[in-house]
Amino acid sequence: MQKTTVLKPEEYERKWFVVDADGKTLGRLATRVATVLRGKHKPGYVPYHDLGDFVVVVNASKVHVTGAKREQKTYWRYTGYPSGLRLTKLKDAMDKDPTFAVTHAIKGMLPHNKLGRRMMRKLKVYAGGSHPHAAQKPEELEL
């Protein structure tokens, strides 16, 4: 009888990847990054362990969206009070925080529980082209 071996999270070595978002389509970028954060690209993937790698996204302010999404896409937020719905256009959100769209898209593709919050800690998003993680020797992640 064959046994399936399941790696524990502390037994697995995590890699660091860097992604340049300049000119990349937002959704396609987010799906690839979410896959790497979850660890689905690895042969030992199990859905209940956090075996994913670290991902650094640079140039998040230069991400591309198709069509008229920059002016028409709306993010909903509810304050919890009556009539507390707050609507924000993508353009306004990117003006306020250039990393918002990338972070929000990736977060929506991860599990919505403690495991997903733990995976989000391995995501580093920067609006510009530089990042402080050179000591980790990140590899280029192809999309």
N, C-alpha and C. Protein backbone atom coordinates (compact mmCIF):
# COMPACT_ATOMS: atom_id res chain seq x y z
N MET A 1 0.84 -1.18 0.00
CA MET A 1 0.00 0.00 0.00
C MET A 1 0.89 1.25 0.00
N GLN A 2 0.55 2.19 -0.88
CA GLN A 2 1.33 3.42 -0.97
C GLN A 2 0.78 4.48 -0.02
N LYS A 3 1.68 5.25 0.52
CA LYS A 3 1.27 6.31 1.43
C LYS A 3 1.55 7.65 0.79
N THR A 4 0.66 8.60 1.02
CA THR A 4 0.85 9.95 0.53
C THR A 4 1.55 10.76 1.62
N THR A 5 2.67 11.38 1.26
CA THR A 5 3.37 12.20 2.24
C THR A 5 2.91 13.65 2.10
N VAL A 6 2.59 14.25 3.21
CA VAL A 6 2.16 15.64 3.24
C VAL A 6 3.21 16.44 3.99
N LEU A 7 3.78 17.43 3.31
CA LEU A 7 4.78 18.26 3.95
C LEU A 7 4.14 19.21 4.95
N LYS A 8 4.84 19.44 6.04
CA LYS A 8 4.40 20.45 7.00
C LYS A 8 4.94 21.80 6.55
N PRO A 9 4.25 22.88 6.85
CA PRO A 9 4.71 24.20 6.39
C PRO A 9 6.13 24.54 6.84
N GLU A 10 6.54 24.11 8.02
CA GLU A 10 7.88 24.44 8.49
C GLU A 10 8.97 23.61 7.80
N GLU A 11 8.59 22.53 7.13
CA GLU A 11 9.55 21.69 6.42
C GLU A 11 9.82 22.19 5.00
N TYR A 12 9.00 23.11 4.51
CA TYR A 12 9.10 23.53 3.13
C TYR A 12 9.90 24.81 2.99
N GLU A 13 10.78 24.85 2.03
CA GLU A 13 11.59 26.04 1.78
C GLU A 13 10.82 26.99 0.86
N ARG A 14 10.71 28.23 1.29
CA ARG A 14 9.98 29.22 0.49
C ARG A 14 10.95 30.02 -0.38
N LYS A 15 10.53 30.29 -1.59
CA LYS A 15 11.31 31.11 -2.51
C LYS A 15 10.73 32.52 -2.53
N TRP A 16 11.50 33.44 -3.08
CA TRP A 16 11.04 34.81 -3.29
C TRP A 16 10.98 35.08 -4.78
N PHE A 17 9.88 35.67 -5.23
CA PHE A 17 9.71 36.03 -6.63
C PHE A 17 9.42 37.52 -6.73
N VAL A 18 9.83 38.12 -7.83
CA VAL A 18 9.52 39.52 -8.10
C VAL A 18 8.77 39.59 -9.42
N VAL A 19 7.70 40.42 -9.46
CA VAL A 19 6.87 40.59 -10.64
C VAL A 19 6.84 42.06 -10.99
N ASP A 20 7.11 42.39 -12.24
CA ASP A 20 7.01 43.77 -12.71
C ASP A 20 5.62 43.95 -13.32
N ALA A 21 4.78 44.76 -12.70
CA ALA A 21 3.40 44.94 -13.14
C ALA A 21 3.25 45.96 -14.25
N ASP A 22 4.34 46.56 -14.70
CA ASP A 22 4.28 47.61 -15.71
C ASP A 22 3.71 47.06 -17.02
N GLY A 23 2.52 47.55 -17.40
CA GLY A 23 1.88 47.14 -18.64
C GLY A 23 1.16 45.81 -18.58
N LYS A 24 1.16 45.12 -17.44
CA LYS A 24 0.48 43.84 -17.31
C LYS A 24 -0.99 44.07 -17.00
N THR A 25 -1.85 43.19 -17.50
CA THR A 25 -3.28 43.28 -17.23
C THR A 25 -3.55 42.87 -15.78
N LEU A 26 -4.37 43.64 -15.09
CA LEU A 26 -4.59 43.47 -13.66
C LEU A 26 -5.05 42.06 -13.29
N GLY A 27 -6.08 41.55 -13.94
CA GLY A 27 -6.62 40.24 -13.58
C GLY A 27 -5.67 39.10 -13.85
N ARG A 28 -4.97 39.15 -14.98
CA ARG A 28 -4.02 38.09 -15.32
C ARG A 28 -2.84 38.08 -14.36
N LEU A 29 -2.40 39.27 -13.97
CA LEU A 29 -1.33 39.39 -12.98
C LEU A 29 -1.78 38.82 -11.64
N ALA A 30 -2.99 39.18 -11.22
CA ALA A 30 -3.51 38.76 -9.92
C ALA A 30 -3.69 37.25 -9.84
N THR A 31 -4.16 36.61 -10.90
CA THR A 31 -4.35 35.16 -10.86
C THR A 31 -3.03 34.42 -10.73
N ARG A 32 -2.01 34.88 -11.44
CA ARG A 32 -0.70 34.22 -11.37
C ARG A 32 -0.07 34.41 -9.99
N VAL A 33 -0.16 35.62 -9.45
CA VAL A 33 0.42 35.89 -8.13
C VAL A 33 -0.34 35.11 -7.05
N ALA A 34 -1.66 35.05 -7.13
CA ALA A 34 -2.45 34.30 -6.15
C ALA A 34 -2.11 32.82 -6.18
N THR A 35 -1.86 32.28 -7.37
CA THR A 35 -1.47 30.87 -7.51
C THR A 35 -0.15 30.61 -6.79
N VAL A 36 0.81 31.50 -6.95
CA VAL A 36 2.12 31.33 -6.31
C VAL A 36 2.00 31.51 -4.80
N LEU A 37 1.20 32.47 -4.34
CA LEU A 37 1.02 32.68 -2.91
C LEU A 37 0.37 31.46 -2.24
N ARG A 38 -0.55 30.81 -2.93
CA ARG A 38 -1.20 29.62 -2.38
C ARG A 38 -0.31 28.39 -2.43
N GLY A 39 0.63 28.37 -3.39
CA GLY A 39 1.50 27.20 -3.53
C GLY A 39 0.96 26.17 -4.50
N LYS A 40 -0.02 26.56 -5.33
CA LYS A 40 -0.63 25.61 -6.25
C LYS A 40 0.30 25.22 -7.40
N HIS A 41 1.41 25.93 -7.56
CA HIS A 41 2.36 25.62 -8.61
C HIS A 41 3.34 24.54 -8.17
N LYS A 42 3.24 24.07 -6.93
CA LYS A 42 4.16 23.08 -6.39
C LYS A 42 3.51 21.69 -6.36
N PRO A 43 4.32 20.65 -6.50
CA PRO A 43 3.75 19.30 -6.51
C PRO A 43 3.19 18.86 -5.15
N GLY A 44 3.65 19.44 -4.07
CA GLY A 44 3.19 19.03 -2.75
C GLY A 44 2.02 19.84 -2.23
N TYR A 45 1.28 20.50 -3.11
CA TYR A 45 0.19 21.39 -2.69
C TYR A 45 -0.93 20.63 -1.99
N VAL A 46 -1.34 21.16 -0.86
CA VAL A 46 -2.56 20.72 -0.18
C VAL A 46 -3.34 21.98 0.19
N PRO A 47 -4.65 21.98 0.07
CA PRO A 47 -5.41 23.22 0.25
C PRO A 47 -5.43 23.74 1.69
N TYR A 48 -5.09 22.92 2.68
CA TYR A 48 -5.21 23.34 4.06
C TYR A 48 -3.88 23.75 4.69
N HIS A 49 -2.79 23.81 3.90
CA HIS A 49 -1.50 24.30 4.39
C HIS A 49 -1.05 25.50 3.58
N ASP A 50 -0.30 26.37 4.21
CA ASP A 50 0.26 27.53 3.53
C ASP A 50 1.67 27.18 3.08
N LEU A 51 1.80 26.65 1.86
CA LEU A 51 3.10 26.24 1.33
C LEU A 51 3.57 27.17 0.22
N GLY A 52 2.93 28.31 0.05
CA GLY A 52 3.25 29.22 -1.04
C GLY A 52 4.54 29.98 -0.83
N ASP A 53 4.93 30.72 -1.85
CA ASP A 53 6.16 31.49 -1.84
C ASP A 53 5.85 32.98 -1.64
N PHE A 54 6.91 33.74 -1.35
CA PHE A 54 6.79 35.19 -1.23
C PHE A 54 6.77 35.81 -2.61
N VAL A 55 5.97 36.86 -2.79
CA VAL A 55 5.89 37.55 -4.08
C VAL A 55 6.02 39.05 -3.82
N VAL A 56 6.93 39.69 -4.58
CA VAL A 56 7.12 41.13 -4.53
C VAL A 56 6.62 41.70 -5.85
N VAL A 57 5.64 42.59 -5.81
CA VAL A 57 5.11 43.21 -7.02
C VAL A 57 5.61 44.65 -7.06
N VAL A 58 6.31 45.00 -8.14
CA VAL A 58 6.81 46.37 -8.31
C VAL A 58 6.06 47.03 -9.47
N ASN A 59 6.09 48.35 -9.51
CA ASN A 59 5.40 49.15 -10.53
C ASN A 59 3.89 48.90 -10.52
N ALA A 60 3.31 48.74 -9.35
CA ALA A 60 1.86 48.48 -9.24
C ALA A 60 1.04 49.65 -9.76
N SER A 61 1.60 50.85 -9.73
CA SER A 61 0.85 52.02 -10.21
C SER A 61 0.71 52.03 -11.73
N LYS A 62 1.51 51.22 -12.43
CA LYS A 62 1.49 51.19 -13.89
C LYS A 62 0.74 49.98 -14.45
N VAL A 63 -0.08 49.33 -13.61
CA VAL A 63 -0.82 48.16 -14.05
C VAL A 63 -1.86 48.59 -15.09
N HIS A 64 -2.16 47.69 -16.02
CA HIS A 64 -3.05 48.00 -17.14
C HIS A 64 -4.43 47.39 -16.89
N VAL A 65 -5.47 48.15 -17.19
CA VAL A 65 -6.83 47.61 -17.17
C VAL A 65 -7.44 47.86 -18.55
N THR A 66 -8.23 46.92 -19.02
CA THR A 66 -8.79 47.01 -20.37
C THR A 66 -10.07 47.82 -20.38
N GLY A 67 -10.43 48.28 -21.55
CA GLY A 67 -11.69 49.00 -21.73
C GLY A 67 -11.72 50.30 -20.95
N ALA A 68 -12.89 50.62 -20.43
CA ALA A 68 -13.08 51.87 -19.68
C ALA A 68 -13.10 51.61 -18.18
N LYS A 69 -12.45 50.54 -17.75
CA LYS A 69 -12.51 50.17 -16.33
C LYS A 69 -11.90 51.24 -15.43
N ARG A 70 -10.88 51.93 -15.90
CA ARG A 70 -10.22 52.93 -15.05
C ARG A 70 -11.23 54.01 -14.60
N GLU A 71 -12.18 54.36 -15.45
CA GLU A 71 -13.18 55.37 -15.09
C GLU A 71 -14.48 54.75 -14.57
N GLN A 72 -14.79 53.49 -14.94
CA GLN A 72 -16.10 52.93 -14.63
C GLN A 72 -16.10 51.88 -13.52
N LYS A 73 -15.00 51.17 -13.30
CA LYS A 73 -14.98 50.11 -12.27
C LYS A 73 -15.16 50.73 -10.89
N THR A 74 -16.06 50.13 -10.11
CA THR A 74 -16.42 50.68 -8.81
C THR A 74 -16.12 49.66 -7.71
N TYR A 75 -15.51 50.12 -6.63
CA TYR A 75 -15.28 49.30 -5.44
C TYR A 75 -16.29 49.70 -4.39
N TRP A 76 -16.93 48.69 -3.79
CA TRP A 76 -17.95 48.91 -2.78
C TRP A 76 -17.35 48.68 -1.40
N ARG A 77 -17.76 49.53 -0.45
CA ARG A 77 -17.34 49.37 0.93
C ARG A 77 -18.52 49.80 1.79
N TYR A 78 -18.81 49.04 2.82
CA TYR A 78 -19.93 49.38 3.69
C TYR A 78 -19.40 49.67 5.08
N THR A 79 -19.79 50.82 5.64
CA THR A 79 -19.25 51.25 6.93
C THR A 79 -19.87 50.51 8.11
N GLY A 80 -21.06 49.96 7.92
CA GLY A 80 -21.74 49.29 9.02
C GLY A 80 -22.88 50.13 9.59
N TYR A 81 -22.97 51.37 9.17
CA TYR A 81 -24.04 52.27 9.61
C TYR A 81 -25.14 52.31 8.55
N PRO A 82 -26.35 52.72 8.92
CA PRO A 82 -27.39 52.88 7.92
C PRO A 82 -26.97 53.88 6.85
N SER A 83 -27.24 53.58 5.62
CA SER A 83 -26.83 54.40 4.47
C SER A 83 -25.32 54.55 4.41
N GLY A 84 -24.60 53.54 4.84
CA GLY A 84 -23.15 53.63 4.93
C GLY A 84 -22.40 53.08 3.74
N LEU A 85 -23.06 52.94 2.60
CA LEU A 85 -22.38 52.43 1.41
C LEU A 85 -21.47 53.50 0.84
N ARG A 86 -20.20 53.15 0.62
CA ARG A 86 -19.23 54.06 0.03
C ARG A 86 -18.73 53.48 -1.27
N LEU A 87 -18.88 54.20 -2.36
CA LEU A 87 -18.46 53.75 -3.67
C LEU A 87 -17.22 54.52 -4.08
N THR A 88 -16.22 53.81 -4.63
CA THR A 88 -14.99 54.44 -5.06
C THR A 88 -14.65 53.95 -6.45
N LYS A 89 -14.36 54.87 -7.35
CA LYS A 89 -13.93 54.51 -8.71
C LYS A 89 -12.48 54.05 -8.67
N LEU A 90 -12.10 53.20 -9.62
CA LEU A 90 -10.74 52.69 -9.69
C LEU A 90 -9.73 53.83 -9.82
N LYS A 91 -10.05 54.81 -10.63
CA LYS A 91 -9.14 55.95 -10.85
C LYS A 91 -8.88 56.70 -9.54
N ASP A 92 -9.95 56.94 -8.75
CA ASP A 92 -9.79 57.65 -7.48
C ASP A 92 -9.02 56.81 -6.47
N ALA A 93 -9.28 55.51 -6.45
CA ALA A 93 -8.58 54.62 -5.52
C ALA A 93 -7.09 54.55 -5.85
N MET A 94 -6.76 54.53 -7.15
CA MET A 94 -5.36 54.47 -7.56
C MET A 94 -4.65 55.80 -7.30
N ASP A 95 -5.38 56.92 -7.38
CA ASP A 95 -4.78 58.21 -7.06
C ASP A 95 -4.43 58.29 -5.57
N LYS A 96 -5.31 57.74 -4.74
CA LYS A 96 -5.10 57.77 -3.30
C LYS A 96 -4.02 56.77 -2.87
N ASP A 97 -4.10 55.52 -3.35
CA ASP A 97 -3.14 54.47 -3.01
C ASP A 97 -2.84 53.68 -4.28
N PRO A 98 -1.66 53.87 -4.90
CA PRO A 98 -1.35 53.20 -6.17
C PRO A 98 -1.28 51.68 -6.09
N THR A 99 -1.17 51.13 -4.89
CA THR A 99 -1.09 49.67 -4.76
C THR A 99 -2.45 49.03 -4.51
N PHE A 100 -3.50 49.84 -4.37
CA PHE A 100 -4.81 49.32 -3.96
C PHE A 100 -5.37 48.27 -4.92
N ALA A 101 -5.38 48.56 -6.21
CA ALA A 101 -6.03 47.67 -7.16
C ALA A 101 -5.37 46.30 -7.19
N VAL A 102 -4.05 46.26 -7.18
CA VAL A 102 -3.33 44.98 -7.23
C VAL A 102 -3.58 44.21 -5.94
N THR A 103 -3.47 44.86 -4.80
CA THR A 103 -3.68 44.19 -3.52
C THR A 103 -5.11 43.66 -3.39
N HIS A 104 -6.08 44.47 -3.79
CA HIS A 104 -7.49 44.09 -3.68
C HIS A 104 -7.81 42.91 -4.59
N ALA A 105 -7.27 42.91 -5.81
CA ALA A 105 -7.54 41.82 -6.76
C ALA A 105 -6.95 40.51 -6.27
N ILE A 106 -5.72 40.56 -5.76
CA ILE A 106 -5.08 39.33 -5.28
C ILE A 106 -5.77 38.82 -4.02
N LYS A 107 -6.13 39.72 -3.13
CA LYS A 107 -6.79 39.32 -1.88
C LYS A 107 -8.12 38.61 -2.16
N GLY A 108 -8.83 39.06 -3.20
CA GLY A 108 -10.10 38.43 -3.55
C GLY A 108 -9.96 37.03 -4.11
N MET A 109 -8.75 36.65 -4.54
CA MET A 109 -8.51 35.33 -5.12
C MET A 109 -7.94 34.34 -4.11
N LEU A 110 -7.75 34.76 -2.89
CA LEU A 110 -7.24 33.88 -1.84
C LEU A 110 -8.39 33.46 -0.93
N PRO A 111 -8.19 32.41 -0.12
CA PRO A 111 -9.26 31.99 0.79
C PRO A 111 -9.63 33.12 1.75
N HIS A 112 -10.91 33.21 2.09
CA HIS A 112 -11.40 34.27 2.97
C HIS A 112 -11.49 33.74 4.40
N ASN A 113 -10.34 33.42 4.96
CA ASN A 113 -10.27 32.90 6.32
C ASN A 113 -8.86 33.16 6.88
N LYS A 114 -8.50 32.51 7.99
CA LYS A 114 -7.19 32.72 8.61
C LYS A 114 -6.06 32.34 7.66
N LEU A 115 -6.26 31.29 6.87
CA LEU A 115 -5.23 30.84 5.94
C LEU A 115 -4.97 31.90 4.86
N GLY A 116 -6.02 32.51 4.35
CA GLY A 116 -5.87 33.56 3.35
C GLY A 116 -5.17 34.79 3.90
N ARG A 117 -5.47 35.15 5.15
CA ARG A 117 -4.79 36.30 5.77
C ARG A 117 -3.31 36.01 5.97
N ARG A 118 -3.00 34.77 6.27
CA ARG A 118 -1.58 34.39 6.43
C ARG A 118 -0.85 34.44 5.09
N MET A 119 -1.55 34.06 4.01
CA MET A 119 -0.96 34.11 2.67
C MET A 119 -0.73 35.57 2.24
N MET A 120 -1.63 36.47 2.62
CA MET A 120 -1.48 37.88 2.26
C MET A 120 -0.24 38.50 2.87
N ARG A 121 0.24 37.96 3.99
CA ARG A 121 1.45 38.49 4.62
C ARG A 121 2.69 38.24 3.77
N LYS A 122 2.61 37.29 2.84
CA LYS A 122 3.75 36.99 1.97
C LYS A 122 3.74 37.83 0.70
N LEU A 123 2.76 38.71 0.56
CA LEU A 123 2.66 39.58 -0.60
C LEU A 123 3.19 40.97 -0.26
N LYS A 124 4.12 41.46 -1.07
CA LYS A 124 4.69 42.80 -0.89
C LYS A 124 4.44 43.56 -2.17
N VAL A 125 3.69 44.67 -2.10
CA VAL A 125 3.33 45.44 -3.29
C VAL A 125 3.92 46.84 -3.16
N TYR A 126 4.60 47.30 -4.22
CA TYR A 126 5.22 48.62 -4.24
C TYR A 126 4.80 49.37 -5.49
N ALA A 127 4.51 50.66 -5.34
CA ALA A 127 4.05 51.48 -6.46
C ALA A 127 5.17 51.75 -7.45
N GLY A 128 6.40 51.91 -6.95
CA GLY A 128 7.54 52.23 -7.81
C GLY A 128 8.28 51.00 -8.28
N GLY A 129 9.44 51.25 -8.90
CA GLY A 129 10.21 50.17 -9.48
C GLY A 129 11.23 49.54 -8.55
N SER A 130 11.38 50.07 -7.33
CA SER A 130 12.38 49.52 -6.41
C SER A 130 11.69 48.87 -5.22
N HIS A 131 12.41 47.97 -4.56
CA HIS A 131 11.89 47.30 -3.38
C HIS A 131 13.05 46.99 -2.43
N PRO A 132 12.78 46.87 -1.13
CA PRO A 132 13.85 46.62 -0.15
C PRO A 132 14.15 45.15 0.10
N HIS A 133 13.79 44.25 -0.82
CA HIS A 133 13.95 42.82 -0.59
C HIS A 133 15.06 42.20 -1.45
N ALA A 134 16.06 42.99 -1.79
CA ALA A 134 17.16 42.48 -2.62
C ALA A 134 17.97 41.42 -1.89
N ALA A 135 18.04 41.48 -0.57
CA ALA A 135 18.82 40.52 0.21
C ALA A 135 18.25 39.10 0.11
N GLN A 136 16.97 38.98 -0.22
CA GLN A 136 16.34 37.66 -0.36
C GLN A 136 16.60 37.04 -1.73
N LYS A 137 17.25 37.78 -2.63
CA LYS A 137 17.57 37.32 -3.98
C LYS A 137 16.34 36.79 -4.70
N PRO A 138 15.33 37.65 -4.93
CA PRO A 138 14.12 37.18 -5.59
C PRO A 138 14.36 36.86 -7.07
N GLU A 139 13.69 35.81 -7.54
CA GLU A 139 13.76 35.42 -8.95
C GLU A 139 12.63 36.11 -9.72
N GLU A 140 12.84 36.31 -11.01
CA GLU A 140 11.81 36.91 -11.86
C GLU A 140 10.71 35.89 -12.10
N LEU A 141 9.46 36.29 -11.90
CA LEU A 141 8.32 35.40 -12.12
C LEU A 141 7.70 35.74 -13.45
N GLU A 142 7.65 34.78 -14.34
CA GLU A 142 7.06 34.98 -15.67
C GLU A 142 5.55 34.82 -15.59
N LEU A 143 4.84 35.68 -16.29
CA LEU A 143 3.37 35.61 -16.30
C LEU A 143 2.88 34.91 -17.56
